[in-house]
Amino acid sequence: MKFAAVSECDAFLAAHPAVQFVDLVVTPLSGVPRGKRLRRHELRPVFEQGRFCRCRSW
């Protein structure tokens, strides 16, 4: 399931070249919200795959 197009991510990053990090609030299955800070290059996989890490535990 996709909620936003990858082109939206690309457009945001192109329009804001000074952005180095993006802060996210993620709620895993445990239901406890957790803050995550992604580096610029880590944002695109969120749009492509719906996740930002490869099978890495919290």
C-alpha atoms as a PDB file:
ATOM      1  CA  MET A   1       0.000   0.000   0.000  1.00  0.00           C
ATOM      2  CA  LYS A   2       1.391   3.401  -0.947  1.00  0.00           C
ATOM      3  CA  PHE A   3       0.276   6.673   0.541  1.00  0.00           C
ATOM      4  CA  ALA A   4       2.468   9.117  -1.362  1.00  0.00           C
ATOM      5  CA  ALA A   5       4.277   9.016  -4.671  1.00  0.00           C
ATOM      6  CA  VAL A   6       8.068   8.774  -4.772  1.00  0.00           C
ATOM      7  CA  SER A   7       7.991  11.873  -6.972  1.00  0.00           C
ATOM      8  CA  GLU A   8       6.632  13.805  -3.973  1.00  0.00           C
ATOM      9  CA  CYS A   9       9.725  12.854  -1.977  1.00  0.00           C
ATOM     10  CA  ASP A  10      12.018  13.786  -4.849  1.00  0.00           C
ATOM     11  CA  ALA A  11      10.257  17.132  -5.310  1.00  0.00           C
ATOM     12  CA  PHE A  12      10.531  17.925  -1.583  1.00  0.00           C
ATOM     13  CA  LEU A  13      14.237  17.102  -1.439  1.00  0.00           C
ATOM     14  CA  ALA A  14      14.929  19.086  -4.625  1.00  0.00           C
ATOM     15  CA  ALA A  15      13.027  22.107  -3.290  1.00  0.00           C
ATOM     16  CA  HIS A  16      14.811  21.955   0.088  1.00  0.00           C
ATOM     17  CA  PRO A  17      18.481  21.126  -0.533  1.00  0.00           C
ATOM     18  CA  ALA A  18      19.500  22.340   2.937  1.00  0.00           C
ATOM     19  CA  VAL A  19      17.442  19.647   4.695  1.00  0.00           C
ATOM     20  CA  GLN A  20      19.830  17.106   6.178  1.00  0.00           C
ATOM     21  CA  PHE A  21      17.461  15.171   8.458  1.00  0.00           C
ATOM     22  CA  VAL A  22      13.759  14.359   8.658  1.00  0.00           C
ATOM     23  CA  ASP A  23      12.109  13.518  11.981  1.00  0.00           C
ATOM     24  CA  LEU A  24       9.438  10.797  11.988  1.00  0.00           C
ATOM     25  CA  VAL A  25       7.129   9.434  14.642  1.00  0.00           C
ATOM     26  CA  VAL A  26       6.573   5.718  14.039  1.00  0.00           C
ATOM     27  CA  THR A  27       4.192   3.446  15.918  1.00  0.00           C
ATOM     28  CA  PRO A  28       5.304  -0.212  15.719  1.00  0.00           C
ATOM     29  CA  LEU A  29       3.088  -3.173  16.585  1.00  0.00           C
ATOM     30  CA  SER A  30       3.761  -2.612  20.285  1.00  0.00           C
ATOM     31  CA  GLY A  31       1.792   0.633  20.008  1.00  0.00           C
ATOM     32  CA  VAL A  32       4.510   2.735  21.602  1.00  0.00           C
ATOM     33  CA  PRO A  33       5.297   5.795  19.443  1.00  0.00           C
ATOM     34  CA  ARG A  34       8.994   6.219  18.753  1.00  0.00           C
ATOM     35  CA  GLY A  35      10.841   9.094  17.209  1.00  0.00           C
ATOM     36  CA  LYS A  36      13.281   8.419  14.419  1.00  0.00           C
ATOM     37  CA  ARG A  37      15.616  10.806  12.655  1.00  0.00           C
ATOM     38  CA  LEU A  38      16.366   9.862   9.074  1.00  0.00           C
ATOM     39  CA  ARG A  39      19.227  11.205   7.044  1.00  0.00           C
ATOM     40  CA  ARG A  40      18.335  12.731   3.711  1.00  0.00           C
ATOM     41  CA  HIS A  41      19.178   9.620   1.679  1.00  0.00           C
ATOM     42  CA  GLU A  42      17.106   7.406   3.996  1.00  0.00           C
ATOM     43  CA  LEU A  43      13.818   9.177   3.221  1.00  0.00           C
ATOM     44  CA  ARG A  44      13.191   7.742  -0.252  1.00  0.00           C
ATOM     45  CA  PRO A  45      12.819   4.093   0.946  1.00  0.00           C
ATOM     46  CA  VAL A  46       9.940   5.229   3.173  1.00  0.00           C
ATOM     47  CA  PHE A  47       8.084   6.294   0.037  1.00  0.00           C
ATOM     48  CA  GLU A  48       9.207   3.259  -1.991  1.00  0.00           C
ATOM     49  CA  GLN A  49       8.790   0.471   0.557  1.00  0.00           C
ATOM     50  CA  GLY A  50       6.850   1.976   3.443  1.00  0.00           C
ATOM     51  CA  ARG A  51       9.752   1.402   5.802  1.00  0.00           C
ATOM     52  CA  PHE A  52      13.137   2.918   6.443  1.00  0.00           C
ATOM     53  CA  CYS A  53      15.238   0.038   7.702  1.00  0.00           C
ATOM     54  CA  ARG A  54      15.966  -3.498   6.517  1.00  0.00           C
ATOM     55  CA  CYS A  55      14.753  -6.004   9.078  1.00  0.00           C
ATOM     56  CA  ARG A  56      16.631  -4.179  11.812  1.00  0.00           C
ATOM     57  CA  SER A  57      15.187  -4.345  15.303  1.00  0.00           C
ATOM     58  CA  TRP A  58      14.335  -1.188  17.176  1.00  0.00           C
END
